[in-house]
Amino acid sequence: QILFCHSRISELETIAEKERQEQE
């Protein structure tokens, strides 16, 4: 579960970065 959470965080950060770039 720890590994899953780390993976999920990375995924969400990637999505957030993509959304930030799209917004910019």
mmCIF file of all heavy atoms, coordinates in Angstrom:
data_MODEL
# 
_entry.id   MODEL 
# 
loop_
_atom_site.group_PDB 
_atom_site.id 
_atom_site.type_symbol 
_atom_site.label_atom_id 
_atom_site.label_alt_id 
_atom_site.label_comp_id 
_atom_site.label_asym_id 
_atom_site.label_entity_id 
_atom_site.label_seq_id 
_atom_site.pdbx_PDB_ins_code 
_atom_site.Cartn_x 
_atom_site.Cartn_y 
_atom_site.Cartn_z 
_atom_site.occupancy 
_atom_site.B_iso_or_equiv 
_atom_site.pdbx_formal_charge 
_atom_site.auth_seq_id 
_atom_site.auth_comp_id 
_atom_site.auth_asym_id 
_atom_site.auth_atom_id 
_atom_site.pdbx_PDB_model_num 
ATOM 1   N N   . GLN A 1 1  ? 0.830  -1.216 0.000   1.00 0.00 ? 1  GLN A N   1 
ATOM 2   C CA  . GLN A 1 1  ? 0.000  0.000  0.000   1.00 0.00 ? 1  GLN A CA  1 
ATOM 3   C C   . GLN A 1 1  ? 0.862  1.262  0.000   1.00 0.00 ? 1  GLN A C   1 
ATOM 4   O O   . GLN A 1 1  ? 0.508  2.267  -0.630  1.00 0.00 ? 1  GLN A O   1 
ATOM 5   C CB  . GLN A 1 1  ? -0.940 0.009  1.216   1.00 0.00 ? 1  GLN A CB  1 
ATOM 6   C CG  . GLN A 1 1  ? -2.052 -1.026 1.172   1.00 0.00 ? 1  GLN A CG  1 
ATOM 7   C CD  . GLN A 1 1  ? -3.061 -0.738 0.072   1.00 0.00 ? 1  GLN A CD  1 
ATOM 8   O OE1 . GLN A 1 1  ? -3.178 0.368  -0.428  1.00 0.00 ? 1  GLN A OE1 1 
ATOM 9   N NE2 . GLN A 1 1  ? -3.809 -1.781 -0.317  1.00 0.00 ? 1  GLN A NE2 1 
ATOM 10  N N   . ILE A 1 2  ? 1.984  1.207  0.692   1.00 0.00 ? 2  ILE A N   1 
ATOM 11  C CA  . ILE A 1 2  ? 2.909  2.350  0.696   1.00 0.00 ? 2  ILE A CA  1 
ATOM 12  C C   . ILE A 1 2  ? 3.399  2.616  -0.723  1.00 0.00 ? 2  ILE A C   1 
ATOM 13  O O   . ILE A 1 2  ? 3.430  3.759  -1.186  1.00 0.00 ? 2  ILE A O   1 
ATOM 14  C CB  . ILE A 1 2  ? 4.095  2.084  1.644   1.00 0.00 ? 2  ILE A CB  1 
ATOM 15  C CG1 . ILE A 1 2  ? 3.618  2.107  3.111   1.00 0.00 ? 2  ILE A CG1 1 
ATOM 16  C CG2 . ILE A 1 2  ? 5.194  3.136  1.442   1.00 0.00 ? 2  ILE A CG2 1 
ATOM 17  C CD1 . ILE A 1 2  ? 4.665  1.678  4.109   1.00 0.00 ? 2  ILE A CD1 1 
ATOM 18  N N   . LEU A 1 3  ? 3.792  1.544  -1.424  1.00 0.00 ? 3  LEU A N   1 
ATOM 19  C CA  . LEU A 1 3  ? 4.252  1.687  -2.811  1.00 0.00 ? 3  LEU A CA  1 
ATOM 20  C C   . LEU A 1 3  ? 3.136  2.232  -3.701  1.00 0.00 ? 3  LEU A C   1 
ATOM 21  O O   . LEU A 1 3  ? 3.378  3.079  -4.579  1.00 0.00 ? 3  LEU A O   1 
ATOM 22  C CB  . LEU A 1 3  ? 4.738  0.337  -3.344  1.00 0.00 ? 3  LEU A CB  1 
ATOM 23  C CG  . LEU A 1 3  ? 5.994  -0.243 -2.674  1.00 0.00 ? 3  LEU A CG  1 
ATOM 24  C CD1 . LEU A 1 3  ? 6.290  -1.627 -3.227  1.00 0.00 ? 3  LEU A CD1 1 
ATOM 25  C CD2 . LEU A 1 3  ? 7.188  0.682  -2.887  1.00 0.00 ? 3  LEU A CD2 1 
ATOM 26  N N   . PHE A 1 4  ? 1.908  1.724  -3.466  1.00 0.00 ? 4  PHE A N   1 
ATOM 27  C CA  . PHE A 1 4  ? 0.757  2.189  -4.255  1.00 0.00 ? 4  PHE A CA  1 
ATOM 28  C C   . PHE A 1 4  ? 0.529  3.683  -4.041  1.00 0.00 ? 4  PHE A C   1 
ATOM 29  O O   . PHE A 1 4  ? 0.284  4.435  -4.994  1.00 0.00 ? 4  PHE A O   1 
ATOM 30  C CB  . PHE A 1 4  ? -0.502 1.407  -3.864  1.00 0.00 ? 4  PHE A CB  1 
ATOM 31  C CG  . PHE A 1 4  ? -1.767 2.021  -4.402  1.00 0.00 ? 4  PHE A CG  1 
ATOM 32  C CD1 . PHE A 1 4  ? -2.140 1.835  -5.721  1.00 0.00 ? 4  PHE A CD1 1 
ATOM 33  C CD2 . PHE A 1 4  ? -2.584 2.797  -3.581  1.00 0.00 ? 4  PHE A CD2 1 
ATOM 34  C CE1 . PHE A 1 4  ? -3.305 2.424  -6.213  1.00 0.00 ? 4  PHE A CE1 1 
ATOM 35  C CE2 . PHE A 1 4  ? -3.745 3.372  -4.070  1.00 0.00 ? 4  PHE A CE2 1 
ATOM 36  C CZ  . PHE A 1 4  ? -4.104 3.181  -5.391  1.00 0.00 ? 4  PHE A CZ  1 
ATOM 37  N N   . CYS A 1 5  ? 0.606  4.124  -2.777  1.00 0.00 ? 5  CYS A N   1 
ATOM 38  C CA  . CYS A 1 5  ? 0.381  5.544  -2.462  1.00 0.00 ? 5  CYS A CA  1 
ATOM 39  C C   . CYS A 1 5  ? 1.445  6.431  -3.110  1.00 0.00 ? 5  CYS A C   1 
ATOM 40  O O   . CYS A 1 5  ? 1.144  7.506  -3.639  1.00 0.00 ? 5  CYS A O   1 
ATOM 41  C CB  . CYS A 1 5  ? 0.359  5.761  -0.952  1.00 0.00 ? 5  CYS A CB  1 
ATOM 42  S SG  . CYS A 1 5  ? -1.113 5.091  -0.144  1.00 0.00 ? 5  CYS A SG  1 
ATOM 43  N N   . HIS A 1 6  ? 2.700  5.979  -3.065  1.00 0.00 ? 6  HIS A N   1 
ATOM 44  C CA  . HIS A 1 6  ? 3.776  6.739  -3.715  1.00 0.00 ? 6  HIS A CA  1 
ATOM 45  C C   . HIS A 1 6  ? 3.524  6.842  -5.222  1.00 0.00 ? 6  HIS A C   1 
ATOM 46  O O   . HIS A 1 6  ? 3.719  7.902  -5.823  1.00 0.00 ? 6  HIS A O   1 
ATOM 47  C CB  . HIS A 1 6  ? 5.127  6.073  -3.455  1.00 0.00 ? 6  HIS A CB  1 
ATOM 48  C CG  . HIS A 1 6  ? 5.719  6.407  -2.111  1.00 0.00 ? 6  HIS A CG  1 
ATOM 49  N ND1 . HIS A 1 6  ? 6.035  7.696  -1.731  1.00 0.00 ? 6  HIS A ND1 1 
ATOM 50  C CD2 . HIS A 1 6  ? 6.045  5.606  -1.055  1.00 0.00 ? 6  HIS A CD2 1 
ATOM 51  C CE1 . HIS A 1 6  ? 6.540  7.698  -0.510  1.00 0.00 ? 6  HIS A CE1 1 
ATOM 52  N NE2 . HIS A 1 6  ? 6.553  6.433  -0.069  1.00 0.00 ? 6  HIS A NE2 1 
ATOM 53  N N   . SER A 1 7  ? 3.099  5.728  -5.810  1.00 0.00 ? 7  SER A N   1 
ATOM 54  C CA  . SER A 1 7  ? 2.807  5.713  -7.244  1.00 0.00 ? 7  SER A CA  1 
ATOM 55  C C   . SER A 1 7  ? 1.649  6.647  -7.574  1.00 0.00 ? 7  SER A C   1 
ATOM 56  O O   . SER A 1 7  ? 1.679  7.372  -8.573  1.00 0.00 ? 7  SER A O   1 
ATOM 57  C CB  . SER A 1 7  ? 2.471  4.284  -7.686  1.00 0.00 ? 7  SER A CB  1 
ATOM 58  O OG  . SER A 1 7  ? 2.087  4.257  -9.047  1.00 0.00 ? 7  SER A OG  1 
ATOM 59  N N   . ARG A 1 8  ? 0.623  6.604  -6.701  1.00 0.00 ? 8  ARG A N   1 
ATOM 60  C CA  . ARG A 1 8  ? -0.548 7.449  -6.915  1.00 0.00 ? 8  ARG A CA  1 
ATOM 61  C C   . ARG A 1 8  ? -0.182 8.926  -6.795  1.00 0.00 ? 8  ARG A C   1 
ATOM 62  O O   . ARG A 1 8  ? -0.664 9.764  -7.564  1.00 0.00 ? 8  ARG A O   1 
ATOM 63  C CB  . ARG A 1 8  ? -1.637 7.079  -5.896  1.00 0.00 ? 8  ARG A CB  1 
ATOM 64  C CG  . ARG A 1 8  ? -2.937 7.850  -6.050  1.00 0.00 ? 8  ARG A CG  1 
ATOM 65  C CD  . ARG A 1 8  ? -3.556 7.625  -7.391  1.00 0.00 ? 8  ARG A CD  1 
ATOM 66  N NE  . ARG A 1 8  ? -4.813 8.348  -7.519  1.00 0.00 ? 8  ARG A NE  1 
ATOM 67  C CZ  . ARG A 1 8  ? -5.329 8.754  -8.664  1.00 0.00 ? 8  ARG A CZ  1 
ATOM 68  N NH1 . ARG A 1 8  ? -4.694 8.505  -9.804  1.00 0.00 ? 8  ARG A NH1 1 
ATOM 69  N NH2 . ARG A 1 8  ? -6.473 9.388  -8.700  1.00 0.00 ? 8  ARG A NH2 1 
ATOM 70  N N   . ILE A 1 9  ? 0.692  9.242  -5.827  1.00 0.00 ? 9  ILE A N   1 
ATOM 71  C CA  . ILE A 1 9  ? 1.144  10.630 -5.654  1.00 0.00 ? 9  ILE A CA  1 
ATOM 72  C C   . ILE A 1 9  ? 1.875  11.109 -6.907  1.00 0.00 ? 9  ILE A C   1 
ATOM 73  O O   . ILE A 1 9  ? 1.648  12.218 -7.399  1.00 0.00 ? 9  ILE A O   1 
ATOM 74  C CB  . ILE A 1 9  ? 2.049  10.758 -4.415  1.00 0.00 ? 9  ILE A CB  1 
ATOM 75  C CG1 . ILE A 1 9  ? 1.204  10.639 -3.132  1.00 0.00 ? 9  ILE A CG1 1 
ATOM 76  C CG2 . ILE A 1 9  ? 2.788  12.101 -4.413  1.00 0.00 ? 9  ILE A CG2 1 
ATOM 77  C CD1 . ILE A 1 9  ? 2.010  10.583 -1.861  1.00 0.00 ? 9  ILE A CD1 1 
ATOM 78  N N   . SER A 1 10 ? 2.759  10.258 -7.435  1.00 0.00 ? 10 SER A N   1 
ATOM 79  C CA  . SER A 1 10 ? 3.494  10.605 -8.659  1.00 0.00 ? 10 SER A CA  1 
ATOM 80  C C   . SER A 1 10 ? 2.530  10.845 -9.817  1.00 0.00 ? 10 SER A C   1 
ATOM 81  O O   . SER A 1 10 ? 2.702  11.787 -10.617 1.00 0.00 ? 10 SER A O   1 
ATOM 82  C CB  . SER A 1 10 ? 4.477  9.489  -9.023  1.00 0.00 ? 10 SER A CB  1 
ATOM 83  O OG  . SER A 1 10 ? 5.459  9.342  -8.024  1.00 0.00 ? 10 SER A OG  1 
ATOM 84  N N   . GLU A 1 11 ? 1.507  10.004 -9.899  1.00 0.00 ? 11 GLU A N   1 
ATOM 85  C CA  . GLU A 1 11 ? 0.511  10.142 -10.963 1.00 0.00 ? 11 GLU A CA  1 
ATOM 86  C C   . GLU A 1 11 ? -0.249 11.457 -10.840 1.00 0.00 ? 11 GLU A C   1 
ATOM 87  O O   . GLU A 1 11 ? -0.440 12.178 -11.829 1.00 0.00 ? 11 GLU A O   1 
ATOM 88  C CB  . GLU A 1 11 ? -0.462 8.968  -10.906 1.00 0.00 ? 11 GLU A CB  1 
ATOM 89  C CG  . GLU A 1 11 ? -1.515 8.973  -12.003 1.00 0.00 ? 11 GLU A CG  1 
ATOM 90  C CD  . GLU A 1 11 ? -2.494 7.810  -11.877 1.00 0.00 ? 11 GLU A CD  1 
ATOM 91  O OE1 . GLU A 1 11 ? -2.187 6.869  -11.119 1.00 0.00 ? 11 GLU A OE1 1 
ATOM 92  O OE2 . GLU A 1 11 ? -3.542 7.858  -12.527 1.00 0.00 ? 11 GLU A OE2 1 
ATOM 93  N N   . LEU A 1 12 ? -0.660 11.772 -9.596  1.00 0.00 ? 12 LEU A N   1 
ATOM 94  C CA  . LEU A 1 12 ? -1.404 13.007 -9.365  1.00 0.00 ? 12 LEU A CA  1 
ATOM 95  C C   . LEU A 1 12 ? -0.530 14.236 -9.622  1.00 0.00 ? 12 LEU A C   1 
ATOM 96  O O   . LEU A 1 12 ? -1.008 15.258 -10.139 1.00 0.00 ? 12 LEU A O   1 
ATOM 97  C CB  . LEU A 1 12 ? -1.944 13.036 -7.929  1.00 0.00 ? 12 LEU A CB  1 
ATOM 98  C CG  . LEU A 1 12 ? -3.076 12.055 -7.628  1.00 0.00 ? 12 LEU A CG  1 
ATOM 99  C CD1 . LEU A 1 12 ? -3.413 12.075 -6.142  1.00 0.00 ? 12 LEU A CD1 1 
ATOM 100 C CD2 . LEU A 1 12 ? -4.320 12.383 -8.453  1.00 0.00 ? 12 LEU A CD2 1 
ATOM 101 N N   . GLU A 1 13 ? 0.750  14.148 -9.241  1.00 0.00 ? 13 GLU A N   1 
ATOM 102 C CA  . GLU A 1 13 ? 1.667  15.266 -9.490  1.00 0.00 ? 13 GLU A CA  1 
ATOM 103 C C   . GLU A 1 13 ? 1.865  15.473 -10.989 1.00 0.00 ? 13 GLU A C   1 
ATOM 104 O O   . GLU A 1 13 ? 1.947  16.617 -11.455 1.00 0.00 ? 13 GLU A O   1 
ATOM 105 C CB  . GLU A 1 13 ? 3.014  14.992 -8.816  1.00 0.00 ? 13 GLU A CB  1 
ATOM 106 C CG  . GLU A 1 13 ? 2.966  15.158 -7.297  1.00 0.00 ? 13 GLU A CG  1 
ATOM 107 C CD  . GLU A 1 13 ? 4.284  14.808 -6.630  1.00 0.00 ? 13 GLU A CD  1 
ATOM 108 O OE1 . GLU A 1 13 ? 5.121  14.129 -7.270  1.00 0.00 ? 13 GLU A OE1 1 
ATOM 109 O OE2 . GLU A 1 13 ? 4.475  15.201 -5.464  1.00 0.00 ? 13 GLU A OE2 1 
ATOM 110 N N   . THR A 1 14 ? 1.922  14.373 -11.733 1.00 0.00 ? 14 THR A N   1 
ATOM 111 C CA  . THR A 1 14 ? 2.054  14.475 -13.195 1.00 0.00 ? 14 THR A CA  1 
ATOM 112 C C   . THR A 1 14 ? 0.817  15.130 -13.794 1.00 0.00 ? 14 THR A C   1 
ATOM 113 O O   . THR A 1 14 ? 0.920  16.003 -14.670 1.00 0.00 ? 14 THR A O   1 
ATOM 114 C CB  . THR A 1 14 ? 2.243  13.077 -13.816 1.00 0.00 ? 14 THR A CB  1 
ATOM 115 O OG1 . THR A 1 14 ? 3.427  12.476 -13.287 1.00 0.00 ? 14 THR A OG1 1 
ATOM 116 C CG2 . THR A 1 14 ? 2.351  13.169 -15.333 1.00 0.00 ? 14 THR A CG2 1 
ATOM 117 N N   . ILE A 1 15 ? -0.356 14.704 -13.307 1.00 0.00 ? 15 ILE A N   1 
ATOM 118 C CA  . ILE A 1 15 ? -1.616 15.296 -13.789 1.00 0.00 ? 15 ILE A CA  1 
ATOM 119 C C   . ILE A 1 15 ? -1.673 16.778 -13.446 1.00 0.00 ? 15 ILE A C   1 
ATOM 120 O O   . ILE A 1 15 ? -2.055 17.613 -14.275 1.00 0.00 ? 15 ILE A O   1 
ATOM 121 C CB  . ILE A 1 15 ? -2.824 14.553 -13.182 1.00 0.00 ? 15 ILE A CB  1 
ATOM 122 C CG1 . ILE A 1 15 ? -2.894 13.116 -13.712 1.00 0.00 ? 15 ILE A CG1 1 
ATOM 123 C CG2 . ILE A 1 15 ? -4.122 15.306 -13.483 1.00 0.00 ? 15 ILE A CG2 1 
ATOM 124 C CD1 . ILE A 1 15 ? -3.935 12.254 -13.029 1.00 0.00 ? 15 ILE A CD1 1 
ATOM 125 N N   . ALA A 1 16 ? -1.263 17.108 -12.192 1.00 0.00 ? 16 ALA A N   1 
ATOM 126 C CA  . ALA A 1 16 ? -1.291 18.503 -11.747 1.00 0.00 ? 16 ALA A CA  1 
ATOM 127 C C   . ALA A 1 16 ? -0.342 19.355 -12.578 1.00 0.00 ? 16 ALA A C   1 
ATOM 128 O O   . ALA A 1 16 ? -0.667 20.488 -12.955 1.00 0.00 ? 16 ALA A O   1 
ATOM 129 C CB  . ALA A 1 16 ? -0.917 18.591 -10.267 1.00 0.00 ? 16 ALA A CB  1 
ATOM 130 N N   . GLU A 1 17 ? 0.840  18.796 -12.878 1.00 0.00 ? 17 GLU A N   1 
ATOM 131 C CA  . GLU A 1 17 ? 1.815  19.534 -13.689 1.00 0.00 ? 17 GLU A CA  1 
ATOM 132 C C   . GLU A 1 17 ? 1.284  19.751 -15.102 1.00 0.00 ? 17 GLU A C   1 
ATOM 133 O O   . GLU A 1 17 ? 1.442  20.837 -15.679 1.00 0.00 ? 17 GLU A O   1 
ATOM 134 C CB  . GLU A 1 17 ? 3.137  18.754 -13.736 1.00 0.00 ? 17 GLU A CB  1 
ATOM 135 C CG  . GLU A 1 17 ? 4.209  19.380 -14.612 1.00 0.00 ? 17 GLU A CG  1 
ATOM 136 C CD  . GLU A 1 17 ? 4.651  20.751 -14.141 1.00 0.00 ? 17 GLU A CD  1 
ATOM 137 O OE1 . GLU A 1 17 ? 4.395  21.095 -12.963 1.00 0.00 ? 17 GLU A OE1 1 
ATOM 138 O OE2 . GLU A 1 17 ? 5.240  21.488 -14.955 1.00 0.00 ? 17 GLU A OE2 1 
ATOM 139 N N   . LYS A 1 18 ? 0.639  18.721 -15.646 1.00 0.00 ? 18 LYS A N   1 
ATOM 140 C CA  . LYS A 1 18 ? 0.064  18.848 -16.984 1.00 0.00 ? 18 LYS A CA  1 
ATOM 141 C C   . LYS A 1 18 ? -1.035 19.902 -16.999 1.00 0.00 ? 18 LYS A C   1 
ATOM 142 O O   . LYS A 1 18 ? -1.110 20.731 -17.925 1.00 0.00 ? 18 LYS A O   1 
ATOM 143 C CB  . LYS A 1 18 ? -0.510 17.498 -17.424 1.00 0.00 ? 18 LYS A CB  1 
ATOM 144 C CG  . LYS A 1 18 ? -1.056 17.513 -18.849 1.00 0.00 ? 18 LYS A CG  1 
ATOM 145 C CD  . LYS A 1 18 ? -1.591 16.144 -19.246 1.00 0.00 ? 18 LYS A CD  1 
ATOM 146 C CE  . LYS A 1 18 ? -2.170 16.166 -20.664 1.00 0.00 ? 18 LYS A CE  1 
ATOM 147 N NZ  . LYS A 1 18 ? -2.709 14.840 -21.056 1.00 0.00 ? 18 LYS A NZ  1 
ATOM 148 N N   . GLU A 1 19 ? -1.885 19.885 -15.968 1.00 0.00 ? 19 GLU A N   1 
ATOM 149 C CA  . GLU A 1 19 ? -2.959 20.874 -15.882 1.00 0.00 ? 19 GLU A CA  1 
ATOM 150 C C   . GLU A 1 19 ? -2.381 22.282 -15.728 1.00 0.00 ? 19 GLU A C   1 
ATOM 151 O O   . GLU A 1 19 ? -2.909 23.243 -16.293 1.00 0.00 ? 19 GLU A O   1 
ATOM 152 C CB  . GLU A 1 19 ? -3.876 20.547 -14.705 1.00 0.00 ? 19 GLU A CB  1 
ATOM 153 C CG  . GLU A 1 19 ? -4.732 19.300 -14.931 1.00 0.00 ? 19 GLU A CG  1 
ATOM 154 C CD  . GLU A 1 19 ? -5.577 18.952 -13.711 1.00 0.00 ? 19 GLU A CD  1 
ATOM 155 O OE1 . GLU A 1 19 ? -5.328 19.542 -12.631 1.00 0.00 ? 19 GLU A OE1 1 
ATOM 156 O OE2 . GLU A 1 19 ? -6.465 18.092 -13.838 1.00 0.00 ? 19 GLU A OE2 1 
ATOM 157 N N   . ARG A 1 20 ? -1.295 22.387 -14.940 1.00 0.00 ? 20 ARG A N   1 
ATOM 158 C CA  . ARG A 1 20 ? -0.648 23.685 -14.757 1.00 0.00 ? 20 ARG A CA  1 
ATOM 159 C C   . ARG A 1 20 ? -0.100 24.205 -16.080 1.00 0.00 ? 20 ARG A C   1 
ATOM 160 O O   . ARG A 1 20 ? -0.276 25.384 -16.426 1.00 0.00 ? 20 ARG A O   1 
ATOM 161 C CB  . ARG A 1 20 ? 0.487  23.572 -13.738 1.00 0.00 ? 20 ARG A CB  1 
ATOM 162 C CG  . ARG A 1 20 ? 1.169  24.897 -13.391 1.00 0.00 ? 20 ARG A CG  1 
ATOM 163 C CD  . ARG A 1 20 ? 2.408  24.680 -12.561 1.00 0.00 ? 20 ARG A CD  1 
ATOM 164 N NE  . ARG A 1 20 ? 3.434  23.986 -13.311 1.00 0.00 ? 20 ARG A NE  1 
ATOM 165 C CZ  . ARG A 1 20 ? 4.229  24.578 -14.196 1.00 0.00 ? 20 ARG A CZ  1 
ATOM 166 N NH1 . ARG A 1 20 ? 4.108  25.868 -14.457 1.00 0.00 ? 20 ARG A NH1 1 
ATOM 167 N NH2 . ARG A 1 20 ? 5.139  23.874 -14.843 1.00 0.00 ? 20 ARG A NH2 1 
ATOM 168 N N   . GLN A 1 21 ? 0.549  23.321 -16.834 1.00 0.00 ? 21 GLN A N   1 
ATOM 169 C CA  . GLN A 1 21 ? 1.100  23.715 -18.128 1.00 0.00 ? 21 GLN A CA  1 
ATOM 170 C C   . GLN A 1 21 ? -0.005 24.102 -19.102 1.00 0.00 ? 21 GLN A C   1 
ATOM 171 O O   . GLN A 1 21 ? 0.127  25.071 -19.864 1.00 0.00 ? 21 GLN A O   1 
ATOM 172 C CB  . GLN A 1 21 ? 1.944  22.572 -18.709 1.00 0.00 ? 21 GLN A CB  1 
ATOM 173 C CG  . GLN A 1 21 ? 3.234  22.311 -17.939 1.00 0.00 ? 21 GLN A CG  1 
ATOM 174 C CD  . GLN A 1 21 ? 4.005  21.136 -18.497 1.00 0.00 ? 21 GLN A CD  1 
ATOM 175 O OE1 . GLN A 1 21 ? 3.550  20.427 -19.395 1.00 0.00 ? 21 GLN A OE1 1 
ATOM 176 N NE2 . GLN A 1 21 ? 5.207  20.904 -17.958 1.00 0.00 ? 21 GLN A NE2 1 
ATOM 177 N N   . GLU A 1 22 ? -1.105 23.326 -19.078 1.00 0.00 ? 22 GLU A N   1 
ATOM 178 C CA  . GLU A 1 22 ? -2.235 23.642 -19.958 1.00 0.00 ? 22 GLU A CA  1 
ATOM 179 C C   . GLU A 1 22 ? -2.835 24.987 -19.593 1.00 0.00 ? 22 GLU A C   1 
ATOM 180 O O   . GLU A 1 22 ? -3.210 25.771 -20.473 1.00 0.00 ? 22 GLU A O   1 
ATOM 181 C CB  . GLU A 1 22 ? -3.299 22.542 -19.857 1.00 0.00 ? 22 GLU A CB  1 
ATOM 182 C CG  . GLU A 1 22 ? -2.893 21.234 -20.517 1.00 0.00 ? 22 GLU A CG  1 
ATOM 183 C CD  . GLU A 1 22 ? -3.927 20.141 -20.325 1.00 0.00 ? 22 GLU A CD  1 
ATOM 184 O OE1 . GLU A 1 22 ? -4.867 20.352 -19.517 1.00 0.00 ? 22 GLU A OE1 1 
ATOM 185 O OE2 . GLU A 1 22 ? -3.799 19.078 -20.967 1.00 0.00 ? 22 GLU A OE2 1 
ATOM 186 N N   . GLN A 1 23 ? -2.937 25.255 -18.282 1.00 0.00 ? 23 GLN A N   1 
ATOM 187 C CA  . GLN A 1 23 ? -3.475 26.532 -17.824 1.00 0.00 ? 23 GLN A CA  1 
ATOM 188 C C   . GLN A 1 23 ? -2.564 27.681 -18.238 1.00 0.00 ? 23 GLN A C   1 
ATOM 189 O O   . GLN A 1 23 ? -3.043 28.739 -18.692 1.00 0.00 ? 23 GLN A O   1 
ATOM 190 C CB  . GLN A 1 23 ? -3.641 26.519 -16.294 1.00 0.00 ? 23 GLN A CB  1 
ATOM 191 C CG  . GLN A 1 23 ? -4.246 27.789 -15.714 1.00 0.00 ? 23 GLN A CG  1 
ATOM 192 C CD  . GLN A 1 23 ? -5.644 28.061 -16.218 1.00 0.00 ? 23 GLN A CD  1 
ATOM 193 O OE1 . GLN A 1 23 ? -6.382 27.140 -16.553 1.00 0.00 ? 23 GLN A OE1 1 
ATOM 194 N NE2 . GLN A 1 23 ? -6.023 29.323 -16.281 1.00 0.00 ? 23 GLN A NE2 1 
ATOM 195 N N   . GLU A 1 24 ? -1.259 27.471 -18.083 1.00 0.00 ? 24 GLU A N   1 
ATOM 196 C CA  . GLU A 1 24 ? -0.299 28.492 -18.498 1.00 0.00 ? 24 GLU A CA  1 
ATOM 197 C C   . GLU A 1 24 ? -0.400 28.748 -19.997 1.00 0.00 ? 24 GLU A C   1 
ATOM 198 O O   . GLU A 1 24 ? -0.304 29.889 -20.452 1.00 0.00 ? 24 GLU A O   1 
ATOM 199 C CB  . GLU A 1 24 ? 1.128  28.066 -18.138 1.00 0.00 ? 24 GLU A CB  1 
ATOM 200 C CG  . GLU A 1 24 ? 1.440  28.172 -16.652 1.00 0.00 ? 24 GLU A CG  1 
ATOM 201 C CD  . GLU A 1 24 ? 2.883  27.807 -16.345 1.00 0.00 ? 24 GLU A CD  1 
ATOM 202 O OE1 . GLU A 1 24 ? 3.578  27.324 -17.274 1.00 0.00 ? 24 GLU A OE1 1 
ATOM 203 O OE2 . GLU A 1 24 ? 3.309  27.992 -15.196 1.00 0.00 ? 24 GLU A OE2 1 
# 
